[in-house]
């Protein structure tokens, strides 16, 4: 799936005004019939964004794209019960302040569903990073191999410090007016 077929456009008021040709197929394949085009067109993007910190992050990205008239690109995770997926998010601004937001699959690992763990609440606050899918455990953010069960699954969303730092690097690139996207570095 390329960036344009799995994309959508928001107008200058952040209403979804169009979706790519693969949008509906992706929603159905991922058991999200409420996310098909008939359910999202005409609505504000914010109706679909969980967590105040995630909204603030994404709002800042949108504003930076519109002000700088530069594209924004960053890696993010979008996992399912039996697949871990890494995508590249790219946002292109237009002079009318609309934004085209596209996602391209970079890598996917399929595995049988893992057993879940139900006693997580006493160890962490069930906050999950909206970008990398890590869970907050105390003051650390950890990518869990064993997800919590549905009752303890992410009750709130935020942005971890590593992902905030990655966005700051991208904002600095935008200010330099450079549309050369750096390759991701391996986590150490």
Protein backbone atom coordinates (compact mmCIF):
# COMPACT_ATOMS: atom_id res chain seq x y z
CA UNK A 1 0.00 0.00 0.00
CA UNK A 2 1.52 3.32 -1.02
CA UNK A 3 1.19 6.74 0.59
CA UNK A 4 -1.54 8.05 -1.72
CA UNK A 5 -3.86 5.03 -1.61
CA UNK A 6 -3.79 4.97 2.19
CA UNK A 7 -4.20 8.71 2.68
CA UNK A 8 -6.76 11.31 3.58
CA UNK A 9 -7.09 15.06 3.21
CA UNK A 10 -8.17 17.51 5.89
CA UNK A 11 -9.27 21.03 5.01
CA UNK A 12 -8.08 24.18 6.78
CA UNK A 13 -10.57 23.48 9.59
CA UNK A 14 -9.24 19.90 10.02
CA UNK A 15 -12.36 18.24 8.54
CA UNK A 16 -11.71 15.06 6.57
CA UNK A 17 -12.69 15.90 2.98
CA UNK A 18 -11.35 12.89 1.06
CA UNK A 19 -9.75 9.49 1.58
CA UNK A 20 -7.47 7.33 -0.57
CA UNK A 21 -8.61 4.42 -2.71
CA UNK A 22 -7.56 1.77 -0.15
CA UNK A 23 -9.10 3.47 2.90
CA UNK A 24 -12.27 1.39 3.13
CA UNK A 25 -10.50 -1.90 2.43
CA UNK A 26 -8.00 -1.21 5.23
CA UNK A 27 -10.81 -0.34 7.67
CA UNK A 28 -12.71 -3.55 6.87
CA UNK A 29 -9.57 -5.74 6.99
CA UNK A 30 -8.80 -4.35 10.45
CA UNK A 31 -12.30 -4.93 11.84
CA UNK A 32 -13.11 -1.21 11.93
CA UNK A 33 -16.30 -0.76 9.89
CA UNK A 34 -16.97 2.48 11.77
CA UNK A 35 -13.83 3.94 10.18
CA UNK A 36 -14.96 3.54 6.57
CA UNK A 37 -15.24 6.65 4.39
CA UNK A 38 -18.99 7.04 4.91
CA UNK A 39 -18.35 7.38 8.67
CA UNK A 40 -15.37 9.76 8.54
CA UNK A 41 -15.94 12.15 5.63
CA UNK A 42 -17.01 15.60 6.78
CA UNK A 43 -15.97 15.01 10.38
CA UNK A 44 -13.10 16.68 12.19
CA UNK A 45 -9.96 14.60 12.59
CA UNK A 46 -10.11 15.32 16.33
CA UNK A 47 -13.17 13.06 16.62
CA UNK A 48 -10.80 10.14 16.04
CA UNK A 49 -7.76 11.16 18.13
CA UNK A 50 -7.55 9.79 21.70
CA UNK A 51 -5.87 11.73 24.50
CA UNK A 52 -5.20 15.42 25.07
CA UNK A 53 -1.42 14.98 24.67
CA UNK A 54 -1.89 13.17 21.37
CA UNK A 55 -4.25 15.90 20.12
CA UNK A 56 -1.76 18.60 21.15
CA UNK A 57 1.09 16.75 19.42
CA UNK A 58 -0.86 16.27 16.19
CA UNK A 59 -2.22 19.84 16.26
CA UNK A 60 1.37 21.10 16.58
CA UNK A 61 2.45 18.96 13.63
CA UNK A 62 -0.43 20.28 11.51
CA UNK A 63 0.35 23.89 12.43
CA UNK A 64 4.07 23.46 11.68
CA UNK A 65 3.24 22.01 8.24
CA UNK A 66 0.89 24.89 7.45
CA UNK A 67 3.21 27.64 8.72
CA UNK A 68 6.43 26.27 7.23
CA UNK A 69 4.74 24.86 4.08
CA UNK A 70 7.03 21.86 4.46
CA UNK A 71 6.22 18.19 4.60
CA UNK A 72 6.45 16.31 7.92
CA UNK A 73 7.47 12.66 8.03
CA UNK A 74 7.92 10.31 10.96
CA UNK A 75 7.70 6.59 11.76
CA UNK A 76 4.84 5.26 13.88
CA UNK A 77 3.39 1.91 14.97
CA UNK A 78 -0.10 0.60 14.27
CA UNK A 79 -0.37 -2.89 15.75
CA UNK A 80 -3.13 -5.47 15.62
CA UNK A 81 -3.68 -8.53 17.80
CA UNK A 82 -1.43 -10.71 15.63
CA UNK A 83 0.71 -8.20 13.78
CA UNK A 84 3.21 -5.48 14.67
CA UNK A 85 3.29 -2.83 11.93
CA UNK A 86 5.67 0.07 11.38
CA UNK A 87 4.42 2.88 9.12
CA UNK A 88 5.84 6.10 7.76
CA UNK A 89 3.47 9.04 8.26
CA UNK A 90 3.94 11.86 5.78
CA UNK A 91 1.96 15.10 5.81
CA UNK A 92 1.99 17.42 2.80
CA UNK A 93 0.69 20.97 3.18
CA UNK A 94 -1.14 22.83 0.42
CA UNK A 95 -1.26 26.62 -0.05
CA UNK A 96 -4.97 26.58 0.93
CA UNK A 97 -3.90 25.12 4.33
CA UNK A 98 -5.40 21.71 3.60
CA UNK A 99 -3.16 18.77 4.48
CA UNK A 100 -2.73 15.41 2.79
CA UNK A 101 -1.89 12.79 5.39
CA UNK A 102 -0.50 9.51 4.08
CA UNK A 103 0.75 6.33 5.69
CA UNK A 104 2.97 3.74 4.06
CA UNK A 105 3.70 0.32 5.54
CA UNK A 106 7.43 0.02 6.17
CA UNK A 107 7.54 -3.31 7.99
CA UNK A 108 5.16 -5.87 9.46
CA UNK A 109 5.77 -8.92 11.63
CA UNK A 110 2.95 -11.41 11.90
CA UNK A 111 2.82 -13.76 14.84
CA UNK A 112 0.13 -15.79 16.57
CA UNK A 113 -1.70 -13.83 19.24
CA UNK A 114 0.29 -13.71 22.45
CA UNK A 115 -1.26 -14.57 25.77
CA UNK A 116 -2.34 -11.48 27.63
CA UNK A 117 -1.48 -10.37 31.13
CA UNK A 118 -4.26 -9.08 33.36
CA UNK A 119 -2.44 -7.83 36.45
CA UNK A 120 -0.78 -4.79 34.87
CA UNK A 121 -2.73 -2.09 36.69
CA UNK A 122 -0.62 -2.26 39.81
CA UNK A 123 2.57 -1.77 37.76
CA UNK A 124 1.61 0.97 35.32
CA UNK A 125 -1.10 3.48 34.60
CA UNK A 126 -2.23 1.98 31.27
CA UNK A 127 -0.98 4.97 29.27
CA UNK A 128 0.22 4.07 25.78
CA UNK A 129 2.28 6.16 23.37
CA UNK A 130 0.20 7.03 20.31
CA UNK A 131 3.28 6.95 18.08
CA UNK A 132 5.42 3.94 19.09
CA UNK A 133 2.85 1.91 21.12
CA UNK A 134 5.10 1.72 24.20
CA UNK A 135 3.39 1.55 27.61
CA UNK A 136 4.30 3.79 30.51
CA UNK A 137 5.53 1.78 33.47
CA UNK A 138 6.47 4.12 36.28
CA UNK A 139 8.69 6.74 34.67
CA UNK A 140 9.82 4.44 31.84
CA UNK A 141 8.21 3.71 28.47
CA UNK A 142 8.48 0.06 27.45
CA UNK A 143 7.44 -1.78 24.29
CA UNK A 144 5.66 -4.80 25.73
CA UNK A 145 5.90 -8.14 23.98
CA UNK A 146 2.95 -9.44 25.97
CA UNK A 147 0.01 -7.06 25.73
CA UNK A 148 -2.36 -6.49 28.62
CA UNK A 149 -5.82 -8.00 28.32
CA UNK A 150 -8.74 -5.94 27.00
CA UNK A 151 -9.81 -4.76 30.47
CA UNK A 152 -6.36 -3.30 31.16
CA UNK A 153 -5.51 -2.15 27.65
CA UNK A 154 -4.52 1.50 27.13
CA UNK A 155 -6.97 3.61 29.05
CA UNK A 156 -5.18 6.79 27.99
CA UNK A 157 -2.85 7.87 25.22
CA UNK A 158 0.09 10.24 25.27
CA UNK A 159 3.41 10.77 23.51
CA UNK A 160 6.56 9.30 25.04
CA UNK A 161 9.75 11.40 25.36
CA UNK A 162 11.53 9.47 22.58
CA UNK A 163 8.73 10.21 20.11
CA UNK A 164 8.56 13.87 21.21
CA UNK A 165 12.31 14.11 20.54
CA UNK A 166 11.87 12.55 17.09
CA UNK A 167 9.21 15.15 16.27
CA UNK A 168 11.55 17.95 17.41
CA UNK A 169 14.23 16.65 15.01
CA UNK A 170 11.64 16.70 12.22
CA UNK A 171 10.52 20.24 13.14
CA UNK A 172 14.16 21.39 12.98
CA UNK A 173 14.50 19.84 9.50
CA UNK A 174 11.32 21.64 8.41
CA UNK A 175 12.70 25.00 9.61
CA UNK A 176 15.83 24.38 7.52
CA UNK A 177 13.44 23.96 4.55
CA UNK A 178 14.99 20.59 3.80
CA UNK A 179 12.72 17.95 2.29
CA UNK A 180 15.39 15.28 2.68
CA UNK A 181 14.02 12.83 5.23
CA UNK A 182 16.72 11.22 7.43
CA UNK A 183 16.80 7.44 7.70
CA UNK A 184 15.64 6.06 11.04
CA UNK A 185 18.33 5.10 13.52
CA UNK A 186 18.17 1.87 15.45
CA UNK A 187 17.19 2.22 19.11
CA UNK A 188 20.07 1.62 21.47
